[in-house]
N, C-alpha and C. Protein backbone atom coordinates (compact mmCIF):
# COMPACT_ATOMS: atom_id res chain seq x y z
N MET A 1 -29.21 34.47 -23.55
CA MET A 1 -29.29 33.19 -22.86
C MET A 1 -29.43 32.02 -23.83
N GLN A 2 -30.00 32.30 -25.01
CA GLN A 2 -30.26 31.21 -25.95
C GLN A 2 -28.96 30.54 -26.41
N TRP A 3 -27.93 31.37 -26.67
CA TRP A 3 -26.67 30.77 -27.11
C TRP A 3 -26.07 29.89 -26.02
N GLU A 4 -26.27 30.29 -24.77
CA GLU A 4 -25.76 29.49 -23.66
C GLU A 4 -26.49 28.15 -23.59
N LEU A 5 -27.80 28.20 -23.77
CA LEU A 5 -28.60 26.97 -23.70
C LEU A 5 -28.28 26.05 -24.87
N ASP A 6 -28.10 26.62 -26.05
CA ASP A 6 -27.73 25.82 -27.22
C ASP A 6 -26.38 25.14 -27.00
N PHE A 7 -25.45 25.90 -26.44
CA PHE A 7 -24.11 25.35 -26.17
C PHE A 7 -24.19 24.21 -25.16
N LEU A 8 -24.94 24.40 -24.08
CA LEU A 8 -25.04 23.39 -23.04
C LEU A 8 -25.74 22.13 -23.55
N ASN A 9 -26.78 22.30 -24.36
CA ASN A 9 -27.47 21.13 -24.91
C ASN A 9 -26.55 20.33 -25.83
N ALA A 10 -25.78 21.04 -26.65
CA ALA A 10 -24.85 20.36 -27.55
C ALA A 10 -23.78 19.62 -26.76
N LEU A 11 -23.26 20.28 -25.73
CA LEU A 11 -22.21 19.67 -24.90
C LEU A 11 -22.76 18.47 -24.14
N SER A 12 -23.97 18.58 -23.61
CA SER A 12 -24.57 17.50 -22.84
C SER A 12 -24.86 16.28 -23.72
N ASN A 13 -25.38 16.53 -24.92
CA ASN A 13 -25.67 15.41 -25.83
C ASN A 13 -24.40 14.73 -26.30
N TRP A 14 -23.34 15.51 -26.45
CA TRP A 14 -22.05 14.95 -26.84
C TRP A 14 -21.40 14.18 -25.69
N GLY A 15 -21.62 14.70 -24.48
CA GLY A 15 -20.91 14.16 -23.32
C GLY A 15 -21.73 13.26 -22.43
N VAL A 16 -22.32 13.83 -21.37
CA VAL A 16 -22.97 13.02 -20.34
C VAL A 16 -24.14 12.21 -20.89
N GLY A 17 -24.78 12.68 -21.96
CA GLY A 17 -25.89 11.93 -22.53
C GLY A 17 -25.47 10.85 -23.50
N ASN A 18 -24.19 10.72 -23.72
CA ASN A 18 -23.65 9.74 -24.67
C ASN A 18 -22.95 8.62 -23.91
N PRO A 19 -23.49 7.39 -23.95
CA PRO A 19 -22.85 6.27 -23.22
C PRO A 19 -21.41 6.03 -23.61
N ASN A 20 -21.05 6.40 -24.83
CA ASN A 20 -19.67 6.19 -25.28
C ASN A 20 -18.68 7.14 -24.61
N MET A 21 -19.22 8.15 -23.89
CA MET A 21 -18.35 9.12 -23.21
C MET A 21 -18.22 8.81 -21.72
N ALA A 22 -18.57 7.58 -21.34
CA ALA A 22 -18.48 7.20 -19.93
C ALA A 22 -17.07 7.39 -19.37
N TRP A 23 -16.07 7.18 -20.21
CA TRP A 23 -14.68 7.31 -19.77
C TRP A 23 -14.37 8.73 -19.30
N LEU A 24 -15.13 9.72 -19.81
CA LEU A 24 -14.94 11.11 -19.40
C LEU A 24 -15.95 11.51 -18.33
N SER A 25 -17.19 11.04 -18.48
CA SER A 25 -18.26 11.44 -17.54
C SER A 25 -17.96 11.01 -16.12
N TYR A 26 -17.46 9.78 -15.96
CA TYR A 26 -17.23 9.28 -14.61
C TYR A 26 -16.17 10.08 -13.85
N PRO A 27 -14.96 10.28 -14.41
CA PRO A 27 -13.97 11.07 -13.65
C PRO A 27 -14.41 12.52 -13.44
N LEU A 28 -15.14 13.08 -14.40
CA LEU A 28 -15.61 14.46 -14.22
C LEU A 28 -16.64 14.54 -13.10
N SER A 29 -17.45 13.47 -12.95
CA SER A 29 -18.43 13.48 -11.86
C SER A 29 -17.73 13.44 -10.50
N ILE A 30 -16.62 12.70 -10.42
CA ILE A 30 -15.85 12.64 -9.16
C ILE A 30 -15.23 14.00 -8.87
N ILE A 31 -14.67 14.62 -9.90
CA ILE A 31 -14.02 15.93 -9.72
C ILE A 31 -15.03 16.99 -9.31
N THR A 32 -16.17 17.04 -10.02
CA THR A 32 -17.16 18.07 -9.70
C THR A 32 -17.78 17.84 -8.32
N ASN A 33 -17.97 16.57 -7.96
CA ASN A 33 -18.53 16.27 -6.64
C ASN A 33 -17.56 16.56 -5.51
N SER A 34 -16.27 16.49 -5.78
CA SER A 34 -15.27 16.77 -4.75
C SER A 34 -15.30 18.22 -4.30
N CYS A 35 -15.90 19.09 -5.13
CA CYS A 35 -15.98 20.52 -4.80
C CYS A 35 -17.33 20.90 -4.23
N GLU A 36 -18.22 19.92 -4.04
CA GLU A 36 -19.52 20.22 -3.42
C GLU A 36 -19.29 20.75 -2.01
N TYR A 37 -19.89 21.89 -1.71
CA TYR A 37 -19.67 22.57 -0.42
C TYR A 37 -18.18 22.89 -0.19
N ALA A 38 -17.44 23.05 -1.31
CA ALA A 38 -16.00 23.35 -1.25
C ALA A 38 -15.23 22.29 -0.45
N LEU A 39 -15.72 21.05 -0.47
CA LEU A 39 -15.18 20.00 0.38
C LEU A 39 -13.68 19.80 0.20
N ILE A 40 -13.24 19.68 -1.04
CA ILE A 40 -11.82 19.39 -1.26
C ILE A 40 -10.95 20.56 -0.80
N TRP A 41 -11.47 21.78 -0.93
CA TRP A 41 -10.70 22.95 -0.51
C TRP A 41 -10.68 23.10 1.01
N ILE A 42 -11.74 22.64 1.66
CA ILE A 42 -11.74 22.61 3.12
C ILE A 42 -10.70 21.62 3.62
N VAL A 43 -10.59 20.47 2.96
CA VAL A 43 -9.59 19.47 3.33
C VAL A 43 -8.18 20.03 3.13
N VAL A 44 -7.96 20.70 2.00
CA VAL A 44 -6.66 21.32 1.72
C VAL A 44 -6.33 22.37 2.78
N THR A 45 -7.32 23.17 3.14
CA THR A 45 -7.11 24.22 4.15
C THR A 45 -6.72 23.62 5.50
N ILE A 46 -7.42 22.59 5.92
CA ILE A 46 -7.09 21.93 7.20
C ILE A 46 -5.68 21.36 7.15
N PHE A 47 -5.32 20.76 6.03
CA PHE A 47 -3.97 20.21 5.87
C PHE A 47 -2.92 21.32 5.98
N PHE A 48 -3.16 22.44 5.31
CA PHE A 48 -2.21 23.55 5.36
C PHE A 48 -2.08 24.13 6.76
N LEU A 49 -3.17 24.15 7.51
CA LEU A 49 -3.14 24.70 8.86
C LEU A 49 -2.33 23.84 9.83
N CYS A 50 -2.09 22.61 9.45
CA CYS A 50 -1.40 21.67 10.35
C CYS A 50 0.12 21.84 10.35
N PHE A 51 0.66 22.58 9.38
CA PHE A 51 2.11 22.69 9.25
C PHE A 51 2.53 24.16 9.23
N LYS A 52 3.63 24.43 9.92
CA LYS A 52 4.10 25.81 10.06
C LYS A 52 4.40 26.45 8.72
N LYS A 53 5.00 25.68 7.79
CA LYS A 53 5.41 26.20 6.49
C LYS A 53 4.21 26.67 5.66
N THR A 54 3.08 26.00 5.83
CA THR A 54 1.90 26.30 5.01
C THR A 54 0.79 27.00 5.79
N ARG A 55 1.04 27.29 7.07
CA ARG A 55 -0.04 27.79 7.93
C ARG A 55 -0.55 29.17 7.50
N LYS A 56 0.35 30.05 7.08
CA LYS A 56 -0.08 31.37 6.65
C LYS A 56 -1.06 31.26 5.49
N CYS A 57 -0.73 30.42 4.53
CA CYS A 57 -1.62 30.18 3.39
C CYS A 57 -2.92 29.57 3.87
N GLY A 58 -2.84 28.64 4.81
CA GLY A 58 -4.03 27.99 5.34
C GLY A 58 -4.98 28.96 6.01
N ILE A 59 -4.44 29.92 6.74
CA ILE A 59 -5.28 30.92 7.40
C ILE A 59 -6.04 31.76 6.37
N THR A 60 -5.33 32.18 5.32
CA THR A 60 -5.98 32.96 4.27
C THR A 60 -7.03 32.14 3.54
N LEU A 61 -6.74 30.87 3.31
CA LEU A 61 -7.72 29.98 2.68
C LEU A 61 -8.97 29.84 3.55
N ALA A 62 -8.76 29.72 4.85
CA ALA A 62 -9.89 29.58 5.76
C ALA A 62 -10.80 30.80 5.72
N VAL A 63 -10.19 31.99 5.72
CA VAL A 63 -10.97 33.23 5.63
C VAL A 63 -11.71 33.29 4.29
N ALA A 64 -11.00 32.90 3.22
CA ALA A 64 -11.59 32.93 1.88
C ALA A 64 -12.81 32.03 1.79
N LEU A 65 -12.70 30.83 2.31
CA LEU A 65 -13.79 29.86 2.21
C LEU A 65 -14.97 30.24 3.10
N LEU A 66 -14.67 30.63 4.32
CA LEU A 66 -15.74 30.90 5.28
C LEU A 66 -16.52 32.16 4.93
N ILE A 67 -15.81 33.24 4.62
CA ILE A 67 -16.47 34.53 4.41
C ILE A 67 -16.82 34.77 2.94
N PHE A 68 -15.86 34.55 2.06
CA PHE A 68 -16.04 34.96 0.66
C PHE A 68 -16.60 33.88 -0.24
N SER A 69 -16.63 32.65 0.22
CA SER A 69 -17.23 31.58 -0.60
C SER A 69 -18.56 31.15 -0.02
N LEU A 70 -18.55 30.60 1.19
CA LEU A 70 -19.77 30.06 1.77
C LEU A 70 -20.81 31.15 2.08
N VAL A 71 -20.35 32.31 2.57
CA VAL A 71 -21.28 33.37 2.93
C VAL A 71 -21.54 34.30 1.75
N PHE A 72 -20.49 34.88 1.19
CA PHE A 72 -20.61 35.89 0.13
C PHE A 72 -21.33 35.34 -1.10
N ASN A 73 -20.91 34.18 -1.60
CA ASN A 73 -21.51 33.65 -2.82
C ASN A 73 -22.76 32.82 -2.54
N ASP A 74 -22.60 31.79 -1.71
CA ASP A 74 -23.70 30.84 -1.52
C ASP A 74 -24.91 31.46 -0.83
N GLU A 75 -24.68 32.34 0.13
CA GLU A 75 -25.80 32.89 0.88
C GLU A 75 -26.27 34.26 0.36
N LEU A 76 -25.34 35.05 -0.17
CA LEU A 76 -25.69 36.42 -0.57
C LEU A 76 -25.95 36.54 -2.08
N ILE A 77 -24.90 36.32 -2.88
CA ILE A 77 -25.00 36.56 -4.32
C ILE A 77 -26.06 35.68 -4.97
N LYS A 78 -26.04 34.39 -4.69
CA LYS A 78 -26.99 33.48 -5.34
C LYS A 78 -28.43 33.85 -5.03
N ASN A 79 -28.71 34.22 -3.79
CA ASN A 79 -30.07 34.57 -3.42
C ASN A 79 -30.48 35.94 -3.95
N LEU A 80 -29.54 36.86 -4.07
CA LEU A 80 -29.85 38.17 -4.62
C LEU A 80 -30.15 38.09 -6.11
N VAL A 81 -29.33 37.33 -6.85
CA VAL A 81 -29.52 37.23 -8.30
C VAL A 81 -30.68 36.29 -8.62
N GLY A 82 -30.74 35.15 -7.93
CA GLY A 82 -31.85 34.21 -8.11
C GLY A 82 -31.98 33.65 -9.51
N ARG A 83 -30.87 33.32 -10.12
CA ARG A 83 -30.89 32.82 -11.50
C ARG A 83 -31.22 31.32 -11.53
N THR A 84 -32.19 30.95 -12.34
CA THR A 84 -32.59 29.55 -12.46
C THR A 84 -31.53 28.76 -13.22
N ARG A 85 -31.28 27.56 -12.77
CA ARG A 85 -30.30 26.71 -13.43
C ARG A 85 -30.81 26.28 -14.81
N PRO A 86 -29.90 26.05 -15.76
CA PRO A 86 -30.32 25.65 -17.11
C PRO A 86 -31.11 24.34 -17.14
N LEU A 87 -30.94 23.50 -16.14
CA LEU A 87 -31.68 22.24 -16.07
C LEU A 87 -33.19 22.46 -16.02
N TYR A 88 -33.60 23.61 -15.47
CA TYR A 88 -35.00 23.81 -15.14
C TYR A 88 -35.68 24.93 -15.92
N VAL A 89 -35.07 25.38 -17.00
CA VAL A 89 -35.70 26.37 -17.86
C VAL A 89 -36.29 25.68 -19.08
N GLU A 90 -37.17 26.37 -19.76
CA GLU A 90 -37.75 25.82 -20.99
C GLU A 90 -36.64 25.62 -22.02
N GLY A 91 -36.53 24.43 -22.54
CA GLY A 91 -35.46 24.11 -23.47
C GLY A 91 -34.31 23.36 -22.81
N GLY A 92 -34.36 23.24 -21.47
CA GLY A 92 -33.30 22.53 -20.76
C GLY A 92 -33.70 21.13 -20.33
N GLU A 93 -34.82 20.64 -20.89
CA GLU A 93 -35.33 19.32 -20.49
C GLU A 93 -34.33 18.21 -20.78
N ASP A 94 -33.64 18.32 -21.91
CA ASP A 94 -32.68 17.27 -22.27
C ASP A 94 -31.49 17.24 -21.32
N LEU A 95 -31.14 18.39 -20.78
CA LEU A 95 -30.03 18.44 -19.83
C LEU A 95 -30.36 17.62 -18.60
N LEU A 96 -31.57 17.82 -18.08
CA LEU A 96 -32.00 17.10 -16.89
C LEU A 96 -32.17 15.62 -17.20
N ALA A 97 -32.73 15.30 -18.36
CA ALA A 97 -32.94 13.90 -18.74
C ALA A 97 -31.61 13.17 -18.87
N ASN A 98 -30.62 13.84 -19.44
CA ASN A 98 -29.30 13.21 -19.59
C ASN A 98 -28.69 12.89 -18.23
N LEU A 99 -28.87 13.79 -17.26
CA LEU A 99 -28.35 13.54 -15.92
C LEU A 99 -29.11 12.40 -15.24
N GLU A 100 -30.42 12.42 -15.37
CA GLU A 100 -31.24 11.41 -14.71
C GLU A 100 -31.00 10.02 -15.28
N ASN A 101 -30.65 9.95 -16.56
CA ASN A 101 -30.42 8.66 -17.20
C ASN A 101 -28.99 8.19 -17.11
N SER A 102 -28.14 9.03 -16.53
CA SER A 102 -26.72 8.69 -16.44
C SER A 102 -26.40 8.03 -15.11
N ASN A 103 -25.48 7.09 -15.15
CA ASN A 103 -25.01 6.42 -13.93
C ASN A 103 -23.72 7.07 -13.42
N TYR A 104 -23.31 8.16 -14.02
CA TYR A 104 -21.99 8.70 -13.71
C TYR A 104 -22.05 9.92 -12.80
N PHE A 105 -23.25 10.34 -12.47
CA PHE A 105 -23.37 11.49 -11.57
C PHE A 105 -24.16 11.04 -10.36
N PHE A 106 -23.55 11.10 -9.19
CA PHE A 106 -24.18 10.60 -7.97
C PHE A 106 -25.49 11.31 -7.67
N LYS A 107 -26.50 10.54 -7.36
CA LYS A 107 -27.78 11.10 -6.96
C LYS A 107 -27.95 10.92 -5.45
N LEU A 108 -28.93 11.61 -4.89
CA LEU A 108 -29.18 11.57 -3.46
C LEU A 108 -29.36 10.13 -2.98
N GLY A 109 -28.59 9.78 -1.95
CA GLY A 109 -28.71 8.44 -1.37
C GLY A 109 -27.90 7.38 -2.07
N GLU A 110 -27.26 7.73 -3.19
CA GLU A 110 -26.52 6.73 -3.95
C GLU A 110 -25.02 6.96 -3.93
N SER A 111 -24.61 8.05 -3.31
CA SER A 111 -23.18 8.33 -3.32
C SER A 111 -22.49 7.60 -2.17
N PRO A 112 -21.17 7.39 -2.28
CA PRO A 112 -20.42 6.74 -1.21
C PRO A 112 -20.43 7.53 0.09
N LEU A 113 -20.78 8.84 0.02
CA LEU A 113 -20.78 9.68 1.21
C LEU A 113 -22.21 9.95 1.67
N PHE A 114 -23.05 8.90 1.66
CA PHE A 114 -24.39 8.96 2.23
C PHE A 114 -25.25 10.06 1.62
N GLY A 115 -25.11 10.22 0.32
CA GLY A 115 -25.97 11.18 -0.37
C GLY A 115 -25.55 12.62 -0.22
N LEU A 116 -24.33 12.86 0.24
CA LEU A 116 -23.86 14.24 0.36
C LEU A 116 -23.82 14.92 -1.01
N PHE A 117 -23.46 14.16 -2.02
CA PHE A 117 -23.34 14.71 -3.37
C PHE A 117 -24.59 14.38 -4.19
N GLU A 118 -25.12 15.38 -4.84
CA GLU A 118 -26.28 15.20 -5.69
C GLU A 118 -26.32 16.36 -6.68
N TYR A 119 -26.96 16.14 -7.83
CA TYR A 119 -27.07 17.28 -8.74
C TYR A 119 -28.11 18.24 -8.20
N PRO A 120 -27.96 19.53 -8.52
CA PRO A 120 -28.76 20.57 -7.86
C PRO A 120 -30.26 20.41 -8.07
N LYS A 121 -31.01 20.74 -7.04
CA LYS A 121 -32.46 20.73 -7.12
C LYS A 121 -32.96 22.04 -7.75
N GLU A 122 -34.23 22.08 -8.08
CA GLU A 122 -34.81 23.23 -8.77
C GLU A 122 -34.76 24.48 -7.92
N THR A 123 -34.77 24.32 -6.61
CA THR A 123 -34.73 25.48 -5.70
C THR A 123 -33.32 26.05 -5.52
N SER A 124 -32.34 25.40 -6.12
CA SER A 124 -30.95 25.85 -6.01
C SER A 124 -30.63 26.82 -7.14
N TYR A 125 -30.11 28.00 -6.79
CA TYR A 125 -29.83 29.03 -7.79
C TYR A 125 -28.48 28.80 -8.47
N SER A 126 -28.32 29.47 -9.61
CA SER A 126 -27.21 29.16 -10.50
C SER A 126 -26.03 30.12 -10.44
N PHE A 127 -26.30 31.41 -10.27
CA PHE A 127 -25.23 32.42 -10.38
C PHE A 127 -24.68 32.80 -9.01
N MET A 128 -23.34 32.78 -8.83
CA MET A 128 -22.28 32.27 -9.70
C MET A 128 -22.10 30.78 -9.45
N SER A 129 -21.24 30.18 -10.26
CA SER A 129 -20.86 28.80 -10.00
C SER A 129 -19.97 28.75 -8.77
N GLY A 130 -20.52 28.24 -7.67
CA GLY A 130 -19.75 28.17 -6.43
C GLY A 130 -18.56 27.25 -6.54
N HIS A 131 -18.71 26.14 -7.27
CA HIS A 131 -17.60 25.21 -7.47
C HIS A 131 -16.43 25.92 -8.16
N THR A 132 -16.76 26.65 -9.23
CA THR A 132 -15.71 27.34 -10.00
C THR A 132 -15.13 28.49 -9.20
N TYR A 133 -15.98 29.27 -8.56
CA TYR A 133 -15.54 30.43 -7.79
C TYR A 133 -14.59 30.02 -6.66
N SER A 134 -15.00 29.04 -5.86
CA SER A 134 -14.15 28.62 -4.73
C SER A 134 -12.85 28.00 -5.23
N SER A 135 -12.90 27.30 -6.36
CA SER A 135 -11.70 26.65 -6.89
C SER A 135 -10.68 27.68 -7.36
N PHE A 136 -11.13 28.71 -8.07
CA PHE A 136 -10.20 29.74 -8.54
C PHE A 136 -9.77 30.66 -7.40
N LEU A 137 -10.64 30.87 -6.45
CA LEU A 137 -10.29 31.66 -5.26
C LEU A 137 -9.14 30.99 -4.51
N CYS A 138 -9.30 29.71 -4.21
CA CYS A 138 -8.27 28.99 -3.46
C CYS A 138 -7.00 28.79 -4.29
N SER A 139 -7.15 28.54 -5.58
CA SER A 139 -5.98 28.34 -6.45
C SER A 139 -5.13 29.60 -6.51
N THR A 140 -5.78 30.76 -6.54
CA THR A 140 -5.05 32.03 -6.60
C THR A 140 -4.23 32.24 -5.33
N ILE A 141 -4.82 31.94 -4.19
CA ILE A 141 -4.11 32.09 -2.91
C ILE A 141 -2.96 31.09 -2.82
N ILE A 142 -3.20 29.87 -3.21
CA ILE A 142 -2.15 28.84 -3.15
C ILE A 142 -1.03 29.17 -4.13
N PHE A 143 -1.38 29.68 -5.31
CA PHE A 143 -0.37 30.04 -6.31
C PHE A 143 0.56 31.12 -5.79
N TYR A 144 0.02 32.07 -5.04
CA TYR A 144 0.85 33.14 -4.47
C TYR A 144 1.91 32.58 -3.53
N HIS A 145 1.54 31.58 -2.76
CA HIS A 145 2.45 31.02 -1.76
C HIS A 145 3.34 29.91 -2.33
N PHE A 146 2.76 29.08 -3.18
CA PHE A 146 3.49 27.91 -3.71
C PHE A 146 3.18 27.77 -5.19
N LYS A 147 4.09 28.30 -6.03
CA LYS A 147 3.82 28.44 -7.46
C LYS A 147 3.49 27.11 -8.14
N LYS A 148 4.30 26.09 -7.94
CA LYS A 148 4.09 24.81 -8.63
C LYS A 148 2.78 24.16 -8.21
N THR A 149 2.51 24.17 -6.91
CA THR A 149 1.26 23.62 -6.41
C THR A 149 0.08 24.44 -6.94
N GLY A 150 0.27 25.74 -7.01
CA GLY A 150 -0.79 26.62 -7.51
C GLY A 150 -1.14 26.35 -8.96
N ILE A 151 -0.14 26.05 -9.77
CA ILE A 151 -0.39 25.72 -11.18
C ILE A 151 -1.26 24.47 -11.29
N VAL A 152 -0.93 23.46 -10.49
CA VAL A 152 -1.73 22.24 -10.46
C VAL A 152 -3.17 22.55 -10.04
N CYS A 153 -3.30 23.43 -9.05
CA CYS A 153 -4.64 23.81 -8.56
C CYS A 153 -5.42 24.55 -9.63
N TYR A 154 -4.74 25.41 -10.39
CA TYR A 154 -5.42 26.14 -11.47
C TYR A 154 -5.92 25.18 -12.55
N ILE A 155 -5.11 24.18 -12.89
CA ILE A 155 -5.53 23.18 -13.87
C ILE A 155 -6.76 22.44 -13.36
N PHE A 156 -6.71 22.06 -12.09
CA PHE A 156 -7.86 21.39 -11.47
C PHE A 156 -9.09 22.30 -11.50
N ALA A 157 -8.90 23.58 -11.21
CA ALA A 157 -10.02 24.54 -11.19
C ALA A 157 -10.65 24.67 -12.58
N LEU A 158 -9.82 24.67 -13.62
CA LEU A 158 -10.34 24.73 -14.99
C LEU A 158 -11.20 23.51 -15.30
N ILE A 159 -10.74 22.34 -14.85
CA ILE A 159 -11.50 21.11 -15.07
C ILE A 159 -12.83 21.18 -14.31
N VAL A 160 -12.78 21.71 -13.10
CA VAL A 160 -14.01 21.87 -12.31
C VAL A 160 -15.00 22.76 -13.05
N GLY A 161 -14.53 23.89 -13.55
CA GLY A 161 -15.40 24.80 -14.30
C GLY A 161 -16.00 24.12 -15.51
N PHE A 162 -15.18 23.37 -16.24
CA PHE A 162 -15.68 22.65 -17.41
C PHE A 162 -16.72 21.61 -17.01
N SER A 163 -16.49 20.94 -15.90
CA SER A 163 -17.42 19.90 -15.45
C SER A 163 -18.81 20.47 -15.15
N ARG A 164 -18.86 21.71 -14.66
CA ARG A 164 -20.16 22.33 -14.36
C ARG A 164 -20.96 22.57 -15.64
N LEU A 165 -20.24 22.87 -16.72
CA LEU A 165 -20.89 23.03 -18.01
C LEU A 165 -21.22 21.67 -18.62
N TYR A 166 -20.32 20.74 -18.47
CA TYR A 166 -20.47 19.39 -19.03
C TYR A 166 -21.74 18.73 -18.51
N PHE A 167 -22.02 18.90 -17.22
CA PHE A 167 -23.20 18.30 -16.63
C PHE A 167 -24.44 19.21 -16.73
N GLY A 168 -24.26 20.40 -17.31
CA GLY A 168 -25.38 21.29 -17.56
C GLY A 168 -25.99 21.92 -16.33
N VAL A 169 -25.23 22.00 -15.25
CA VAL A 169 -25.80 22.54 -14.01
C VAL A 169 -25.55 24.04 -13.85
N HIS A 170 -24.78 24.63 -14.76
CA HIS A 170 -24.51 26.07 -14.73
C HIS A 170 -24.49 26.63 -16.15
N TRP A 171 -24.86 27.89 -16.25
CA TRP A 171 -24.71 28.63 -17.51
C TRP A 171 -23.23 28.96 -17.72
N PRO A 172 -22.79 29.08 -18.97
CA PRO A 172 -21.39 29.48 -19.22
C PRO A 172 -20.99 30.76 -18.51
N THR A 173 -21.90 31.74 -18.46
CA THR A 173 -21.56 33.00 -17.78
C THR A 173 -21.42 32.81 -16.28
N ASP A 174 -22.12 31.83 -15.69
CA ASP A 174 -21.93 31.51 -14.27
C ASP A 174 -20.49 31.11 -14.01
N VAL A 175 -19.97 30.29 -14.91
CA VAL A 175 -18.62 29.76 -14.76
C VAL A 175 -17.57 30.84 -15.04
N ILE A 176 -17.80 31.61 -16.11
CA ILE A 176 -16.83 32.66 -16.48
C ILE A 176 -16.73 33.71 -15.37
N ILE A 177 -17.88 34.17 -14.87
CA ILE A 177 -17.87 35.17 -13.79
C ILE A 177 -17.28 34.56 -12.52
N GLY A 178 -17.56 33.28 -12.28
CA GLY A 178 -16.98 32.61 -11.12
C GLY A 178 -15.46 32.59 -11.17
N MET A 179 -14.91 32.32 -12.36
CA MET A 179 -13.46 32.34 -12.55
C MET A 179 -12.89 33.72 -12.27
N ILE A 180 -13.48 34.73 -12.89
CA ILE A 180 -12.98 36.11 -12.75
C ILE A 180 -13.06 36.58 -11.30
N ASN A 181 -14.20 36.36 -10.67
CA ASN A 181 -14.36 36.81 -9.29
C ASN A 181 -13.48 36.04 -8.33
N GLY A 182 -13.30 34.74 -8.59
CA GLY A 182 -12.43 33.94 -7.74
C GLY A 182 -11.00 34.48 -7.74
N ILE A 183 -10.50 34.78 -8.93
CA ILE A 183 -9.15 35.34 -9.05
C ILE A 183 -9.08 36.73 -8.41
N PHE A 184 -10.09 37.55 -8.68
CA PHE A 184 -10.12 38.93 -8.17
C PHE A 184 -10.14 38.96 -6.64
N ILE A 185 -11.05 38.21 -6.04
CA ILE A 185 -11.15 38.18 -4.58
C ILE A 185 -9.89 37.55 -3.98
N GLY A 186 -9.33 36.56 -4.67
CA GLY A 186 -8.09 35.95 -4.21
C GLY A 186 -6.96 36.96 -4.13
N ILE A 187 -6.85 37.81 -5.14
CA ILE A 187 -5.81 38.86 -5.16
C ILE A 187 -6.03 39.85 -4.02
N ILE A 188 -7.28 40.23 -3.79
CA ILE A 188 -7.59 41.15 -2.70
C ILE A 188 -7.17 40.56 -1.35
N LEU A 189 -7.48 39.28 -1.14
CA LEU A 189 -7.12 38.63 0.12
C LEU A 189 -5.60 38.51 0.28
N ILE A 190 -4.91 38.30 -0.82
CA ILE A 190 -3.44 38.25 -0.77
C ILE A 190 -2.88 39.61 -0.34
N LEU A 191 -3.43 40.68 -0.92
CA LEU A 191 -2.98 42.03 -0.55
C LEU A 191 -3.27 42.32 0.92
N LEU A 192 -4.44 41.88 1.40
CA LEU A 192 -4.76 42.06 2.81
C LEU A 192 -3.84 41.24 3.70
N GLU A 193 -3.54 40.03 3.25
CA GLU A 193 -2.62 39.18 4.02
C GLU A 193 -1.25 39.85 4.14
N ARG A 194 -0.76 40.41 3.05
CA ARG A 194 0.55 41.07 3.06
C ARG A 194 0.57 42.28 3.97
N GLU A 195 -0.60 42.89 4.15
CA GLU A 195 -0.69 44.07 4.99
C GLU A 195 -0.89 43.71 6.46
N ILE A 196 -1.75 42.74 6.71
CA ILE A 196 -2.18 42.43 8.08
C ILE A 196 -1.28 41.42 8.78
N TYR A 197 -0.87 40.38 8.05
CA TYR A 197 -0.14 39.28 8.70
C TYR A 197 1.17 39.73 9.36
N PRO A 198 1.98 40.59 8.69
CA PRO A 198 3.21 41.06 9.36
C PRO A 198 2.93 41.79 10.67
N ARG A 199 1.82 42.52 10.72
CA ARG A 199 1.46 43.23 11.96
C ARG A 199 1.11 42.25 13.07
N ILE A 200 0.42 41.19 12.69
CA ILE A 200 0.07 40.16 13.68
C ILE A 200 1.34 39.48 14.20
N GLU A 201 2.25 39.15 13.27
CA GLU A 201 3.52 38.52 13.67
C GLU A 201 4.32 39.43 14.57
N LYS A 202 4.34 40.73 14.25
CA LYS A 202 5.09 41.69 15.06
C LYS A 202 4.48 41.81 16.45
N ALA A 203 3.15 41.88 16.51
CA ALA A 203 2.47 41.99 17.79
C ALA A 203 2.71 40.73 18.63
N TRP A 204 2.70 39.57 17.99
CA TRP A 204 2.93 38.32 18.70
C TRP A 204 4.36 38.23 19.23
N ALA A 205 5.33 38.71 18.40
CA ALA A 205 6.73 38.71 18.82
C ALA A 205 6.94 39.65 20.01
N ASN A 206 6.31 40.82 19.97
CA ASN A 206 6.41 41.78 21.08
C ASN A 206 5.82 41.21 22.36
N ARG A 207 4.71 40.48 22.21
CA ARG A 207 4.07 39.87 23.36
C ARG A 207 4.98 38.82 24.00
N LYS A 208 5.65 38.05 23.16
CA LYS A 208 6.57 37.02 23.67
C LYS A 208 7.75 37.66 24.38
N LYS A 209 8.26 38.77 23.82
CA LYS A 209 9.37 39.46 24.45
C LYS A 209 8.99 40.01 25.83
N LYS A 210 7.81 40.62 25.92
CA LYS A 210 7.35 41.15 27.19
C LYS A 210 7.18 40.03 28.21
N LYS A 211 6.68 38.89 27.75
CA LYS A 211 6.48 37.76 28.64
C LYS A 211 7.81 37.23 29.16
N GLU A 212 8.82 37.23 28.29
CA GLU A 212 10.15 36.76 28.67
C GLU A 212 10.78 37.71 29.69
N VAL A 213 10.57 39.04 29.47
CA VAL A 213 11.12 40.02 30.39
C VAL A 213 10.49 39.87 31.76
N VAL A 214 9.20 39.66 31.82
CA VAL A 214 8.49 39.47 33.08
C VAL A 214 9.00 38.22 33.81
N ASN A 215 9.18 37.16 33.07
CA ASN A 215 9.63 35.89 33.65
C ASN A 215 11.08 35.97 34.16
N ASN A 216 11.88 36.82 33.51
CA ASN A 216 13.29 36.96 33.91
C ASN A 216 13.42 37.94 35.10
């Protein structure tokens, strides 16, 4: 853990704790905050569900976010592991001070969205990085359906992962494991989609045919 803490302290002092890095801190704060509660991915999912061309992807994204992100990681894994965030361990005082002294990371009550975004409290656990996990999970699913859009999503996901380290709210291993698990679970959901979705389409088509026969 010491190497992780040393890395985070060095990164924080170079970045968010340095006023000269405001040009980077501010956009990274917007990016990292956009993934709070998987908000940006929920918006993308709703958008995909609205159109026939993207609906299949949207359904898989919805399952991924509801079951494998919000429940599996946020409610199960984090509470089972119970890992303290680097902000609140001995030696992480500078990480917290850099955030508290910075104007680039929204605090409770100061964000444009009525305090929805805030840096994590001491009672919030660290493992895995939910921002990174949900971003790579959704990017993997989107990449399967729409390659070019998926590449853009992967780039965004990498920036999200970096932002969690930049602001010192996650250990490097939280982010690395989040990336790996996001991709892994994404692949599993894609395989399930390929197996289950055609059966649903077939059953729906048969139902429509029977209904047409009855009506005729």
